[in-house]
C-alpha cells in the first residue's frame, strides 16, 4: 500500500450522474487542466490545477501527462474467467456454443495450476484494458475462484466473483449438486467475502442448469449473508427463453423463476436482458436489481439488441459487460463502440457521456459501490486510468480534429482499445503500464 501523497495532472473527466436523469451537461465534470490528489490509496482532492497547486506542499510528487485524459477505472459488470482461452470461438448461437466450446474449456479448471495460470492472464488483460473492477463468473470448481481472488488480493483490486452453481443440463464432468454447491460457496464466502477489497457473488449459471433445490439454496445463501452479490444470466437468447418455460411451466416467465427463489435484490446483477418485457424491467427496478448490457457478445452470438431506452424509462440500474468469452474483447472502449451501434440499429442515440456513465458510475451503481468506485470524488478509492491521445497514429491524427471533450470522448470509444490505456491505477498503486 502506497502511503505517500501524490498528484496527477492532465485533462480529467468523470461522471457524476446518469445523463438520462439529469441531462448530459449536468452528468459530468471536466477539467481541461485538472489535478487529482491521492493519499493512502484514496482520492483526497480533485479540481483545476490552477486552484489546487497552491494548496499543496512544495515537495509533492506530481506526474504531469501531456495529451492524455484521466478517467475513473472501468467497471465490467459481466465476464467469465474460465472462457479466456476460448474467446473468439467460431460459429454458434448460445446453447450450441455452450456445449461445443464453453463446457470443455471450463472443465480444465479442475486443475489448480491451470486455474492459477488463467487467473494471472485474465487479471493482466483486465488491467491492460483499464478495467479495475469486474463481476466475474468462475467455473463450477472452487479453485477457479480461489485462484482469481489470490491474484486480485496481491494487487489490492476491488473485484467480485463466485463459483458457478450448476447441477443439471450440463456434462457430468462439470456439474455439482445442490448441496455441494451450497457448501462450497459458503466456504468461499467465509474465506473471501469482505477480505480487502474483495466481494463474493452467489452464481447460479442460469435457470436451465440449476434444479429448484439448487436455486432454493442460492436464495438461502443470500439470506444468510445479506451483503452478498448474486449474478446470473437472463433472457439472452429466444431458444433459451423457450427452454426455461419448458423447465419451469409453473412460473409466469424467466424473471419469475429467479423472483420465486428470492434471487432479486439490490446486489443482484442479471446479464443480457435482451428480450425482457416492460413488466420484467419494472420488477427488476422495483427490487433494486441491475442489468449488465453486453453488446459485443449479443452481436457475436446473434442474441439480439438490448433495449436501453426501456431500461431508462423504468429507472433500472444498467452497467456494461464485455461477457468474455461470448464477447470478443476485454476492452470496455471497444464494448462501448458496439453499444453505440446497438442503439443506432434501434433508431436511438448513445451519447459519449452516457457511455462513460455505463462504464464507470453506472457500473458502480449497479454494484452498489458508487461511494467507493466509478467516479473521482474525494473519499473514493484511487482507481483511475490514463488514456493516451496518441496511442496510435490514426487516433492521434483524428483527435487533432476534435473540437470539444464530447468529440474527444466519442473518438476514444470508437477508435480506442487496450493500446489507449497508458496506465492503470488501483487503490493508488500503478498496476499496469503500457
Protein backbone atom coordinates (compact mmCIF):
# COMPACT_ATOMS: atom_id res chain seq x y z
CA UNK A 1 0.00 0.00 0.00
CA UNK A 2 1.42 3.35 -1.04
CA UNK A 3 1.45 5.68 1.98
CA UNK A 4 2.62 8.79 0.21
CA UNK A 5 0.64 11.68 -1.18
CA UNK A 6 0.89 12.01 -4.95
CA UNK A 7 -0.75 14.19 -7.56
CA UNK A 8 -1.58 13.58 -11.22
CA UNK A 9 -2.05 16.43 -13.69
CA UNK A 10 -3.86 16.04 -17.02
CA UNK A 11 -7.26 16.61 -18.57
CA UNK A 12 -9.67 14.87 -16.14
CA UNK A 13 -13.24 13.66 -16.79
CA UNK A 14 -15.71 11.72 -14.67
CA UNK A 15 -19.45 11.03 -14.46
CA UNK A 16 -21.39 12.45 -11.52
CA UNK A 17 -24.93 11.42 -12.59
CA UNK A 18 -26.91 9.49 -15.21
CA UNK A 19 -27.44 11.68 -18.30
CA UNK A 20 -30.87 10.04 -18.72
CA UNK A 21 -31.94 11.53 -15.40
CA UNK A 22 -30.22 14.94 -15.23
CA UNK A 23 -29.38 15.74 -18.86
CA UNK A 24 -25.96 15.50 -20.48
CA UNK A 25 -24.46 18.79 -19.25
CA UNK A 26 -25.17 18.05 -15.56
CA UNK A 27 -23.94 14.46 -15.79
CA UNK A 28 -20.16 15.00 -15.79
CA UNK A 29 -17.29 17.14 -14.53
CA UNK A 30 -14.42 18.01 -16.89
CA UNK A 31 -11.18 19.77 -16.01
CA UNK A 32 -9.17 20.71 -19.11
CA UNK A 33 -6.07 21.16 -16.92
CA UNK A 34 -7.01 19.12 -13.87
CA UNK A 35 -5.29 17.76 -10.80
CA UNK A 36 -6.05 14.53 -8.95
CA UNK A 37 -4.51 14.18 -5.47
CA UNK A 38 -4.15 10.71 -3.94
CA UNK A 39 -3.49 9.94 -0.26
CA UNK A 40 -3.06 6.39 1.06
CA UNK A 41 -4.91 4.80 -1.85
CA UNK A 42 -7.83 7.23 -1.80
CA UNK A 43 -8.61 10.39 -3.74
CA UNK A 44 -8.24 13.40 -1.44
CA UNK A 45 -8.76 16.24 -3.92
CA UNK A 46 -9.93 16.85 -7.49
CA UNK A 47 -10.13 20.13 -9.34
CA UNK A 48 -8.48 22.67 -11.61
CA UNK A 49 -4.69 22.52 -11.39
CA UNK A 50 -4.52 26.32 -11.07
CA UNK A 51 -6.69 26.20 -7.92
CA UNK A 52 -5.22 23.10 -6.26
CA UNK A 53 -1.49 23.51 -6.90
CA UNK A 54 -1.07 26.46 -4.46
CA UNK A 55 -2.66 24.37 -1.67
CA UNK A 56 -0.15 21.52 -1.95
CA UNK A 57 3.26 21.16 -0.27
CA UNK A 58 6.19 22.19 -2.47
CA UNK A 59 7.81 18.74 -2.39
CA UNK A 60 4.73 16.75 -3.50
CA UNK A 61 5.37 14.25 -6.31
CA UNK A 62 3.34 15.45 -9.34
CA UNK A 63 3.09 13.35 -12.51
CA UNK A 64 2.16 15.58 -15.46
CA UNK A 65 0.67 13.88 -18.54
CA UNK A 66 0.61 15.65 -21.91
CA UNK A 67 -2.09 14.73 -24.45
CA UNK A 68 -3.87 12.41 -22.04
CA UNK A 69 -7.16 12.04 -20.21
CA UNK A 70 -7.64 10.71 -16.68
CA UNK A 71 -10.94 8.89 -16.07
CA UNK A 72 -12.19 6.54 -13.34
CA UNK A 73 -11.23 2.89 -13.76
CA UNK A 74 -13.67 0.94 -15.92
CA UNK A 75 -16.16 -1.46 -14.36
CA UNK A 76 -17.06 -4.69 -16.20
CA UNK A 77 -20.35 -6.00 -14.80
CA UNK A 78 -20.28 -9.38 -16.58
CA UNK A 79 -17.30 -11.54 -17.60
CA UNK A 80 -16.28 -15.22 -17.43
CA UNK A 81 -12.78 -16.06 -16.14
CA UNK A 82 -12.77 -19.68 -17.46
CA UNK A 83 -13.66 -18.61 -21.00
CA UNK A 84 -10.44 -16.63 -21.51
CA UNK A 85 -8.94 -19.50 -23.52
CA UNK A 86 -11.87 -19.79 -25.95
CA UNK A 87 -12.62 -16.13 -26.69
CA UNK A 88 -13.39 -15.75 -30.40
CA UNK A 89 -14.73 -19.32 -30.88
CA UNK A 90 -16.47 -19.68 -34.25
CA UNK A 91 -19.96 -20.11 -35.44
CA UNK A 92 -22.64 -21.00 -32.86
CA UNK A 93 -25.56 -19.42 -31.04
CA UNK A 94 -25.80 -19.58 -27.27
CA UNK A 95 -26.90 -23.12 -26.40
CA UNK A 96 -24.75 -24.92 -29.00
CA UNK A 97 -21.83 -22.60 -28.18
CA UNK A 98 -22.00 -23.63 -24.50
CA UNK A 99 -21.86 -27.34 -25.35
CA UNK A 100 -19.28 -27.09 -28.14
CA UNK A 101 -16.78 -24.67 -26.62
CA UNK A 102 -17.62 -23.40 -23.16
CA UNK A 103 -18.13 -26.53 -21.11
CA UNK A 104 -14.98 -28.33 -22.37
CA UNK A 105 -12.93 -25.17 -21.72
CA UNK A 106 -14.33 -24.79 -18.19
CA UNK A 107 -13.59 -28.43 -17.34
CA UNK A 108 -9.85 -27.62 -17.27
CA UNK A 109 -10.35 -25.64 -14.06
CA UNK A 110 -10.42 -28.84 -12.04
CA UNK A 111 -6.62 -28.35 -12.15
CA UNK A 112 -5.43 -25.66 -9.70
CA UNK A 113 -2.25 -24.97 -11.73
CA UNK A 114 -4.41 -24.24 -14.79
CA UNK A 115 -6.72 -22.01 -12.72
CA UNK A 116 -3.70 -20.08 -11.39
CA UNK A 117 -2.27 -19.57 -14.88
CA UNK A 118 -5.56 -18.33 -16.37
CA UNK A 119 -6.31 -16.06 -13.38
CA UNK A 120 -2.95 -14.34 -13.95
CA UNK A 121 -3.58 -13.87 -17.70
CA UNK A 122 -7.17 -12.74 -17.05
CA UNK A 123 -6.25 -10.07 -14.48
CA UNK A 124 -3.42 -8.75 -16.66
CA UNK A 125 -5.88 -8.42 -19.56
CA UNK A 126 -8.42 -6.59 -17.39
CA UNK A 127 -5.81 -4.09 -16.18
CA UNK A 128 -4.28 -3.66 -19.64
CA UNK A 129 -7.73 -2.62 -20.83
CA UNK A 130 -8.31 -0.27 -17.92
CA UNK A 131 -10.81 -2.45 -16.06
CA UNK A 132 -10.24 -2.02 -12.33
CA UNK A 133 -13.40 -3.78 -11.08
CA UNK A 134 -15.21 -6.76 -12.60
CA UNK A 135 -18.13 -9.02 -11.66
CA UNK A 136 -16.66 -12.40 -12.56
CA UNK A 137 -18.06 -15.88 -13.16
CA UNK A 138 -15.72 -18.66 -12.09
CA UNK A 139 -16.21 -22.26 -13.18
CA UNK A 140 -18.05 -24.87 -11.13
CA UNK A 141 -14.73 -25.61 -9.38
CA UNK A 142 -14.00 -23.66 -6.17
CA UNK A 143 -10.32 -23.40 -7.17
CA UNK A 144 -11.27 -21.13 -10.10
CA UNK A 145 -12.45 -18.54 -7.55
CA UNK A 146 -9.60 -19.15 -5.11
CA UNK A 147 -7.05 -18.60 -7.90
CA UNK A 148 -8.77 -15.42 -9.05
CA UNK A 149 -9.09 -13.91 -5.58
CA UNK A 150 -5.50 -14.83 -4.65
CA UNK A 151 -4.24 -12.92 -7.71
CA UNK A 152 -6.61 -9.97 -7.16
CA UNK A 153 -5.70 -9.71 -3.46
CA UNK A 154 -1.99 -9.34 -4.25
CA UNK A 155 -2.77 -6.19 -6.27
CA UNK A 156 -5.40 -4.86 -3.82
CA UNK A 157 -8.08 -4.84 -6.53
CA UNK A 158 -11.79 -4.30 -5.96
CA UNK A 159 -13.22 -7.49 -7.50
CA UNK A 160 -16.36 -9.60 -7.17
CA UNK A 161 -16.54 -13.27 -8.17
CA UNK A 162 -18.34 -16.52 -7.50
CA UNK A 163 -18.24 -20.24 -8.18
CA UNK A 164 -20.80 -21.34 -10.75
CA UNK A 165 -23.68 -23.42 -9.36
CA UNK A 166 -24.83 -25.94 -11.98
CA UNK A 167 -26.45 -29.27 -11.11
CA UNK A 168 -28.26 -30.28 -14.32
CA UNK A 169 -28.37 -29.93 -18.11
CA UNK A 170 -24.57 -29.85 -18.38
CA UNK A 171 -21.95 -32.58 -18.85
CA UNK A 172 -21.44 -34.89 -15.84
CA UNK A 173 -17.81 -33.76 -15.58
CA UNK A 174 -19.00 -30.18 -14.93
CA UNK A 175 -21.94 -30.46 -12.58
CA UNK A 176 -22.11 -30.10 -8.81
CA UNK A 177 -25.10 -30.92 -6.61
CA UNK A 178 -27.49 -28.59 -4.81
CA UNK A 179 -25.82 -29.48 -1.50
CA UNK A 180 -22.18 -29.37 -2.69
CA UNK A 181 -22.71 -26.02 -4.42
CA UNK A 182 -24.09 -24.62 -1.17
CA UNK A 183 -21.25 -26.00 0.97
CA UNK A 184 -18.51 -24.94 -1.47
CA UNK A 185 -20.00 -21.47 -1.98
CA UNK A 186 -20.27 -21.00 1.78
CA UNK A 187 -16.61 -21.94 2.28
CA UNK A 188 -15.57 -19.40 -0.39
CA UNK A 189 -17.77 -16.72 1.21
CA UNK A 190 -16.19 -17.34 4.62
CA UNK A 191 -12.70 -17.17 3.13
CA UNK A 192 -13.02 -14.20 0.76
CA UNK A 193 -16.13 -12.03 1.16
CA UNK A 194 -15.15 -8.65 2.58
CA UNK A 195 -11.43 -9.51 2.66
CA UNK A 196 -9.54 -6.42 1.50
CA UNK A 197 -11.48 -5.10 -1.48
CA UNK A 198 -12.96 -8.49 -2.47
CA UNK A 199 -16.62 -9.49 -2.52
CA UNK A 200 -18.42 -12.77 -3.22
CA UNK A 201 -21.29 -13.33 -5.67
CA UNK A 202 -23.68 -16.28 -5.46
CA UNK A 203 -23.55 -17.56 -9.05
CA UNK A 204 -26.20 -19.92 -10.45
CA UNK A 205 -25.17 -20.12 -14.12
CA UNK A 206 -28.71 -19.67 -15.40
CA UNK A 207 -32.11 -21.16 -14.62
CA UNK A 208 -31.86 -24.15 -17.02
CA UNK A 209 -28.71 -25.52 -15.35
CA UNK A 210 -30.00 -25.36 -11.77
CA UNK A 211 -32.66 -27.53 -10.15
CA UNK A 212 -35.29 -25.92 -7.94
CA UNK A 213 -33.34 -27.34 -4.96
CA UNK A 214 -30.16 -25.55 -6.04
CA UNK A 215 -31.95 -22.25 -6.67
CA UNK A 216 -33.55 -22.53 -3.22
CA UNK A 217 -30.12 -22.91 -1.62
CA UNK A 218 -28.76 -19.97 -3.67
CA UNK A 219 -31.54 -17.85 -2.20
CA UNK A 220 -30.72 -19.21 1.26
CA UNK A 221 -27.09 -18.04 0.96
CA UNK A 222 -28.32 -14.52 0.15
CA UNK A 223 -30.48 -14.60 3.29
CA UNK A 224 -27.61 -15.86 5.46
CA UNK A 225 -25.16 -13.21 4.19
CA UNK A 226 -27.20 -10.08 3.41
CA UNK A 227 -24.40 -8.11 1.70
CA UNK A 228 -23.52 -10.80 -0.86
CA UNK A 229 -23.87 -10.29 -4.58
CA UNK A 230 -25.90 -12.53 -6.92
CA UNK A 231 -25.11 -12.89 -10.61
CA UNK A 232 -26.73 -14.96 -13.35
CA UNK A 233 -28.00 -14.73 -16.95
CA UNK A 234 -31.47 -13.79 -18.19
CA UNK A 235 -33.33 -13.54 -21.49
CA UNK A 236 -30.25 -13.64 -23.68
CA UNK A 237 -31.49 -15.90 -26.46
CA UNK A 238 -35.00 -16.81 -27.70
CA UNK A 239 -34.39 -20.59 -27.59
CA UNK A 240 -33.07 -20.24 -24.04
CA UNK A 241 -36.29 -18.45 -23.01
CA UNK A 242 -38.42 -21.25 -24.50
CA UNK A 243 -36.29 -23.81 -22.64
CA UNK A 244 -36.89 -22.01 -19.34
CA UNK A 245 -40.66 -22.12 -19.99
CA UNK A 246 -40.46 -25.90 -20.52
CA UNK A 247 -38.39 -26.45 -17.38
CA UNK A 248 -40.46 -24.17 -15.13
CA UNK A 249 -44.03 -24.33 -16.55
CA UNK A 250 -45.47 -23.23 -13.20
CA UNK A 251 -43.74 -19.83 -13.34
CA UNK A 252 -45.02 -16.75 -15.23
CA UNK A 253 -41.76 -16.28 -17.14
CA UNK A 254 -37.97 -16.28 -16.97
CA UNK A 255 -37.61 -13.48 -14.41
CA UNK A 256 -40.36 -15.00 -12.27
CA UNK A 257 -38.20 -18.13 -11.82
CA UNK A 258 -35.48 -16.06 -10.14
CA UNK A 259 -38.05 -13.98 -8.28
CA UNK A 260 -39.69 -17.10 -6.85
CA UNK A 261 -36.35 -18.29 -5.42
CA UNK A 262 -35.65 -14.85 -3.89
CA UNK A 263 -32.71 -14.03 -6.13
CA UNK A 264 -33.73 -10.44 -6.95
CA UNK A 265 -32.30 -7.65 -4.84
CA UNK A 266 -30.03 -4.62 -4.56
CA UNK A 267 -26.86 -6.58 -5.29
CA UNK A 268 -28.32 -8.86 -7.98
CA UNK A 269 -26.98 -8.39 -11.50
CA UNK A 270 -28.62 -10.14 -14.44
CA UNK A 271 -26.55 -10.38 -17.62
CA UNK A 272 -28.04 -9.59 -21.04
CA UNK A 273 -31.79 -9.00 -20.60
CA UNK A 274 -32.08 -8.65 -24.38
CA UNK A 275 -35.65 -9.92 -24.54
CA UNK A 276 -37.13 -8.52 -21.32
CA UNK A 277 -40.65 -7.07 -21.37
CA UNK A 278 -41.87 -3.89 -19.67
CA UNK A 279 -43.25 -5.77 -16.65
CA UNK A 280 -39.93 -7.54 -16.09
CA UNK A 281 -37.99 -4.26 -16.30
CA UNK A 282 -40.39 -2.74 -13.78
CA UNK A 283 -39.94 -5.68 -11.39
CA UNK A 284 -36.14 -5.55 -11.68
CA UNK A 285 -36.21 -1.82 -10.92
CA UNK A 286 -38.63 -2.29 -8.01
CA UNK A 287 -36.30 -4.82 -6.34
CA UNK A 288 -33.17 -2.70 -6.97
CA UNK A 289 -31.72 -5.36 -9.28
CA UNK A 290 -29.45 -4.42 -12.19
CA UNK A 291 -28.84 -5.48 -15.79
CA UNK A 292 -25.45 -5.94 -17.44
CA UNK A 293 -25.67 -4.77 -21.07
CA UNK A 294 -23.31 -6.98 -23.14
CA UNK A 295 -23.42 -5.60 -26.71
CA UNK A 296 -20.35 -7.35 -28.14
CA UNK A 297 -21.49 -10.77 -27.01
CA UNK A 298 -25.10 -10.15 -28.08
CA UNK A 299 -23.84 -9.38 -31.60
CA UNK A 300 -21.31 -12.24 -31.68
CA UNK A 301 -23.79 -14.93 -30.57
CA UNK A 302 -26.65 -13.43 -32.60
CA UNK A 303 -28.76 -12.90 -29.48
CA UNK A 304 -30.37 -9.55 -30.26
CA UNK A 305 -30.39 -5.86 -29.31
CA UNK A 306 -30.73 -4.67 -25.71
CA UNK A 307 -33.44 -2.01 -25.27
CA UNK A 308 -31.62 0.62 -23.19
CA UNK A 309 -34.38 3.27 -23.55
CA UNK A 310 -36.87 0.83 -21.98
CA UNK A 311 -34.50 0.23 -19.05
CA UNK A 312 -34.07 4.00 -18.66
CA UNK A 313 -37.84 4.51 -18.65
CA UNK A 314 -38.07 2.20 -15.62
CA UNK A 315 -35.00 3.79 -13.94
CA UNK A 316 -33.38 0.35 -13.94
CA UNK A 317 -29.68 0.26 -12.99
CA UNK A 318 -27.60 -0.77 -16.02
CA UNK A 319 -23.88 -1.47 -16.23
CA UNK A 320 -21.84 -2.61 -19.22
CA UNK A 321 -20.29 -6.06 -19.60
CA UNK A 322 -17.73 -7.49 -22.01
CA UNK A 323 -19.02 -11.06 -21.44
CA UNK A 324 -15.70 -12.59 -22.50
CA UNK A 325 -15.73 -15.28 -23.99
CA UNK A 326 -19.10 -14.68 -25.74
CA UNK A 327 -17.80 -11.15 -26.09
CA UNK A 328 -14.66 -10.87 -28.17
CA UNK A 329 -12.73 -8.15 -26.31
CA UNK A 330 -11.65 -7.33 -22.77
CA UNK A 331 -11.76 -3.66 -23.81
CA UNK A 332 -14.68 -1.64 -22.48
CA UNK A 333 -13.78 1.05 -25.02
CA UNK A 334 -14.45 -1.49 -27.78
CA UNK A 335 -17.56 -2.70 -25.98
CA UNK A 336 -18.92 0.87 -25.92
CA UNK A 337 -18.17 1.09 -29.65
CA UNK A 338 -20.55 -1.86 -30.10
CA UNK A 339 -23.12 -0.39 -27.66
CA UNK A 340 -23.36 2.71 -29.84
CA UNK A 341 -24.21 0.50 -32.84
CA UNK A 342 -26.85 -1.42 -30.86
CA UNK A 343 -28.60 1.88 -30.22
CA UNK A 344 -28.19 3.06 -33.83
CA UNK A 345 -29.90 -0.12 -35.06
CA UNK A 346 -32.89 0.74 -32.87
CA UNK A 347 -33.08 4.34 -34.03
CA UNK A 348 -31.81 5.62 -30.69
CA UNK A 349 -28.76 7.64 -29.65
CA UNK A 350 -26.00 6.80 -27.19
CA UNK A 351 -24.11 9.93 -26.18
CA UNK A 352 -20.43 9.53 -25.25
CA UNK A 353 -21.29 10.80 -21.75
CA UNK A 354 -23.90 8.06 -21.31
CA UNK A 355 -21.28 5.57 -22.50
CA UNK A 356 -18.79 6.91 -19.95
CA UNK A 357 -21.50 6.62 -17.30
CA UNK A 358 -22.25 2.98 -18.21
CA UNK A 359 -18.56 2.03 -17.99
CA UNK A 360 -17.92 3.84 -14.69
CA UNK A 361 -20.55 5.31 -12.37
CA UNK A 362 -23.41 3.28 -13.89
CA UNK A 363 -21.48 0.08 -13.26
CA UNK A 364 -20.67 1.22 -9.72
CA UNK A 365 -24.36 1.93 -9.07
CA UNK A 366 -25.34 -1.47 -10.46
CA UNK A 367 -22.91 -2.95 -7.90
CA UNK A 368 -23.94 -0.52 -5.09
CA UNK A 369 -20.33 0.68 -4.90
CA UNK A 370 -20.72 4.28 -6.09
CA UNK A 371 -19.41 5.56 -2.74
CA UNK A 372 -16.12 3.71 -3.43
CA UNK A 373 -15.56 3.50 -7.21
CA UNK A 374 -16.87 4.70 -10.58
CA UNK A 375 -16.09 8.39 -10.05
CA UNK A 376 -13.22 10.57 -8.83
CA UNK A 377 -14.92 12.29 -5.89
CA UNK A 378 -12.67 12.86 -2.85
CA UNK A 379 -13.02 9.94 -0.43
CA UNK A 380 -13.35 7.27 -3.12
CA UNK A 381 -10.76 4.60 -3.94
CA UNK A 382 -7.99 5.85 -6.25
CA UNK A 383 -8.91 3.52 -9.13
CA UNK A 384 -8.22 5.51 -12.29
CA UNK A 385 -6.80 5.38 -15.82
CA UNK A 386 -4.61 7.48 -18.02
CA UNK A 387 -5.81 7.37 -21.64
CA UNK A 388 -3.22 8.34 -24.27
CA UNK A 389 -4.47 10.62 -27.07
CA UNK A 390 -1.53 9.49 -29.25
CA UNK A 391 -1.85 5.75 -28.63
CA UNK A 392 -1.97 5.05 -32.38
CA UNK A 393 -1.09 7.29 -35.35
CA UNK A 394 -4.74 7.35 -36.50
CA UNK A 395 -6.07 8.17 -33.02
CA UNK A 396 -3.54 10.99 -32.62
CA UNK A 397 -4.41 12.46 -36.02
CA UNK A 398 -8.16 12.11 -35.51
CA UNK A 399 -8.09 13.75 -32.07
CA UNK A 400 -6.28 16.79 -33.52
CA UNK A 401 -9.55 17.46 -35.37
CA UNK A 402 -11.72 17.14 -32.23
CA UNK A 403 -13.31 20.41 -31.13
CA UNK A 404 -14.51 19.54 -27.62
CA UNK A 405 -14.43 16.86 -24.91
CA UNK A 406 -17.60 15.20 -26.24
CA UNK A 407 -15.96 14.56 -29.60
CA UNK A 408 -12.69 13.51 -27.97
CA UNK A 409 -14.51 11.03 -25.74
CA UNK A 410 -16.51 9.58 -28.63
CA UNK A 411 -13.39 9.10 -30.76
CA UNK A 412 -11.62 7.36 -27.85
CA UNK A 413 -14.58 4.97 -27.58
CA UNK A 414 -14.73 4.35 -31.32
CA UNK A 415 -11.03 4.03 -32.20
CA UNK A 416 -9.65 3.15 -28.77
CA UNK A 417 -8.64 -0.24 -27.38
CA UNK A 418 -6.06 -1.64 -24.93
CA UNK A 419 -3.32 0.45 -26.59
CA UNK A 420 -5.13 3.61 -25.50
CA UNK A 421 -4.65 2.74 -21.82
CA UNK A 422 -1.27 4.21 -20.87
CA UNK A 423 -1.54 3.42 -17.16
CA UNK A 424 -3.99 1.79 -14.78
CA UNK A 425 -4.05 2.60 -11.06
CA UNK A 426 -5.85 0.60 -8.36
CA UNK A 427 -6.04 1.90 -4.78
CA UNK A 428 -3.38 4.44 -5.78
CA UNK A 429 -0.91 1.78 -6.98
CA UNK A 430 0.29 1.55 -10.57
CA UNK A 431 -0.93 -1.89 -11.68
CA UNK A 432 -0.46 -1.57 -15.44
CA UNK A 433 1.97 0.44 -17.54
CA UNK A 434 1.76 0.14 -21.33
